[in-house]
């Protein structure tokens, strides 16, 4: 309660000291903000286009598929052929 009363008394004093022409961002501030907004919009549009092209289905590896059937048979044969290991 006391803080709000103190701020209520200080706000009119601060308003008298500030020059309204120096505080406002003006046209340059608006142009910079608009340019940033357009840039973010363009980046989001580009990201959505690139994410639409991504294929989330993983293709099977042909080398791994060819090695799988021969892999267990060879390892079983290697174990039987070399009992010393």
C-alpha atoms as a PDB file:
ATOM      1  CA  UNK A   1       0.000   0.000   0.000  1.00  0.00           C
ATOM      2  CA  UNK A   2       2.775   2.434   0.864  1.00  0.00           C
ATOM      3  CA  UNK A   3       4.717   1.629  -2.297  1.00  0.00           C
ATOM      4  CA  UNK A   4       1.708   2.391  -4.493  1.00  0.00           C
ATOM      5  CA  UNK A   5       1.172   5.702  -2.722  1.00  0.00           C
ATOM      6  CA  UNK A   6       4.822   6.648  -3.224  1.00  0.00           C
ATOM      7  CA  UNK A   7       4.670   5.737  -6.915  1.00  0.00           C
ATOM      8  CA  UNK A   8       1.467   7.730  -7.313  1.00  0.00           C
ATOM      9  CA  UNK A   9       3.250  10.812  -5.993  1.00  0.00           C
ATOM     10  CA  UNK A  10       6.408  10.246  -8.092  1.00  0.00           C
ATOM     11  CA  UNK A  11       4.767   9.579 -11.468  1.00  0.00           C
ATOM     12  CA  UNK A  12       3.565  13.168 -12.050  1.00  0.00           C
ATOM     13  CA  UNK A  13       7.035  14.462 -11.176  1.00  0.00           C
ATOM     14  CA  UNK A  14       8.687  12.105 -13.672  1.00  0.00           C
ATOM     15  CA  UNK A  15       6.205  13.047 -16.381  1.00  0.00           C
ATOM     16  CA  UNK A  16       7.114  16.713 -16.061  1.00  0.00           C
ATOM     17  CA  UNK A  17      10.844  16.040 -16.379  1.00  0.00           C
ATOM     18  CA  UNK A  18      10.662  13.826 -19.488  1.00  0.00           C
ATOM     19  CA  UNK A  19      10.661  15.337 -22.940  1.00  0.00           C
ATOM     20  CA  UNK A  20       8.071  13.444 -24.992  1.00  0.00           C
ATOM     21  CA  UNK A  21       9.996  14.013 -28.246  1.00  0.00           C
ATOM     22  CA  UNK A  22      13.083  12.201 -26.917  1.00  0.00           C
ATOM     23  CA  UNK A  23      11.301   9.247 -25.328  1.00  0.00           C
ATOM     24  CA  UNK A  24       9.214   7.951 -28.222  1.00  0.00           C
ATOM     25  CA  UNK A  25      10.924   5.552 -30.635  1.00  0.00           C
ATOM     26  CA  UNK A  26       9.421   7.304 -33.640  1.00  0.00           C
ATOM     27  CA  UNK A  27       9.367   6.132 -37.222  1.00  0.00           C
ATOM     28  CA  UNK A  28      12.840   4.571 -37.095  1.00  0.00           C
ATOM     29  CA  UNK A  29      11.857   2.357 -34.150  1.00  0.00           C
ATOM     30  CA  UNK A  30       8.730   1.253 -35.961  1.00  0.00           C
ATOM     31  CA  UNK A  31      10.666   0.455 -39.141  1.00  0.00           C
ATOM     32  CA  UNK A  32      13.237  -1.605 -37.233  1.00  0.00           C
ATOM     33  CA  UNK A  33      10.485  -3.508 -35.421  1.00  0.00           C
ATOM     34  CA  UNK A  34       8.589  -4.088 -38.689  1.00  0.00           C
ATOM     35  CA  UNK A  35      11.773  -5.335 -40.405  1.00  0.00           C
ATOM     36  CA  UNK A  36      12.397  -7.778 -37.550  1.00  0.00           C
ATOM     37  CA  UNK A  37       8.801  -9.002 -37.726  1.00  0.00           C
ATOM     38  CA  UNK A  38       9.021  -9.571 -41.489  1.00  0.00           C
ATOM     39  CA  UNK A  39      12.342 -11.395 -41.043  1.00  0.00           C
ATOM     40  CA  UNK A  40      10.910 -13.707 -38.390  1.00  0.00           C
ATOM     41  CA  UNK A  41       7.864 -14.370 -40.563  1.00  0.00           C
ATOM     42  CA  UNK A  42      10.101 -15.260 -43.544  1.00  0.00           C
ATOM     43  CA  UNK A  43      12.243 -17.574 -41.403  1.00  0.00           C
ATOM     44  CA  UNK A  44       9.191 -19.364 -40.015  1.00  0.00           C
ATOM     45  CA  UNK A  45       7.755 -19.816 -43.504  1.00  0.00           C
ATOM     46  CA  UNK A  46      11.054 -21.224 -44.748  1.00  0.00           C
ATOM     47  CA  UNK A  47      11.317 -23.552 -41.741  1.00  0.00           C
ATOM     48  CA  UNK A  48       7.809 -24.885 -42.332  1.00  0.00           C
ATOM     49  CA  UNK A  49       8.624 -25.512 -45.999  1.00  0.00           C
ATOM     50  CA  UNK A  50      11.825 -27.391 -45.091  1.00  0.00           C
ATOM     51  CA  UNK A  51      10.125 -29.417 -42.355  1.00  0.00           C
ATOM     52  CA  UNK A  52       7.468 -30.475 -44.877  1.00  0.00           C
ATOM     53  CA  UNK A  53      10.187 -31.976 -47.064  1.00  0.00           C
ATOM     54  CA  UNK A  54      11.692 -34.081 -44.263  1.00  0.00           C
ATOM     55  CA  UNK A  55      11.020 -37.804 -44.564  1.00  0.00           C
ATOM     56  CA  UNK A  56      10.689 -39.254 -41.068  1.00  0.00           C
ATOM     57  CA  UNK A  57      10.556 -42.848 -42.321  1.00  0.00           C
ATOM     58  CA  UNK A  58      13.989 -44.414 -42.003  1.00  0.00           C
ATOM     59  CA  UNK A  59      14.950 -46.496 -45.016  1.00  0.00           C
ATOM     60  CA  UNK A  60      16.416 -49.909 -44.228  1.00  0.00           C
ATOM     61  CA  UNK A  61      20.155 -50.163 -44.692  1.00  0.00           C
ATOM     62  CA  UNK A  62      20.858 -52.592 -47.586  1.00  0.00           C
ATOM     63  CA  UNK A  63      24.280 -53.549 -46.173  1.00  0.00           C
ATOM     64  CA  UNK A  64      22.831 -54.414 -42.777  1.00  0.00           C
ATOM     65  CA  UNK A  65      19.976 -56.406 -44.323  1.00  0.00           C
ATOM     66  CA  UNK A  66      22.420 -58.469 -46.414  1.00  0.00           C
ATOM     67  CA  UNK A  67      24.723 -59.101 -43.424  1.00  0.00           C
ATOM     68  CA  UNK A  68      21.990 -60.147 -40.962  1.00  0.00           C
ATOM     69  CA  UNK A  69      21.144 -63.611 -42.414  1.00  0.00           C
ATOM     70  CA  UNK A  70      24.809 -64.513 -42.940  1.00  0.00           C
ATOM     71  CA  UNK A  71      25.968 -62.973 -39.647  1.00  0.00           C
ATOM     72  CA  UNK A  72      24.510 -65.476 -37.124  1.00  0.00           C
ATOM     73  CA  UNK A  73      25.346 -68.523 -39.304  1.00  0.00           C
ATOM     74  CA  UNK A  74      28.982 -67.429 -39.651  1.00  0.00           C
ATOM     75  CA  UNK A  75      29.354 -66.652 -35.962  1.00  0.00           C
ATOM     76  CA  UNK A  76      27.911 -70.078 -35.020  1.00  0.00           C
ATOM     77  CA  UNK A  77      30.294 -71.758 -37.462  1.00  0.00           C
ATOM     78  CA  UNK A  78      33.253 -69.755 -36.147  1.00  0.00           C
ATOM     79  CA  UNK A  79      32.501 -70.843 -32.566  1.00  0.00           C
ATOM     80  CA  UNK A  80      32.302 -74.510 -33.554  1.00  0.00           C
ATOM     81  CA  UNK A  81      35.440 -74.359 -35.693  1.00  0.00           C
ATOM     82  CA  UNK A  82      37.596 -72.689 -33.047  1.00  0.00           C
ATOM     83  CA  UNK A  83      36.956 -74.252 -29.617  1.00  0.00           C
ATOM     84  CA  UNK A  84      40.128 -72.701 -28.188  1.00  0.00           C
ATOM     85  CA  UNK A  85      38.744 -69.168 -28.213  1.00  0.00           C
END
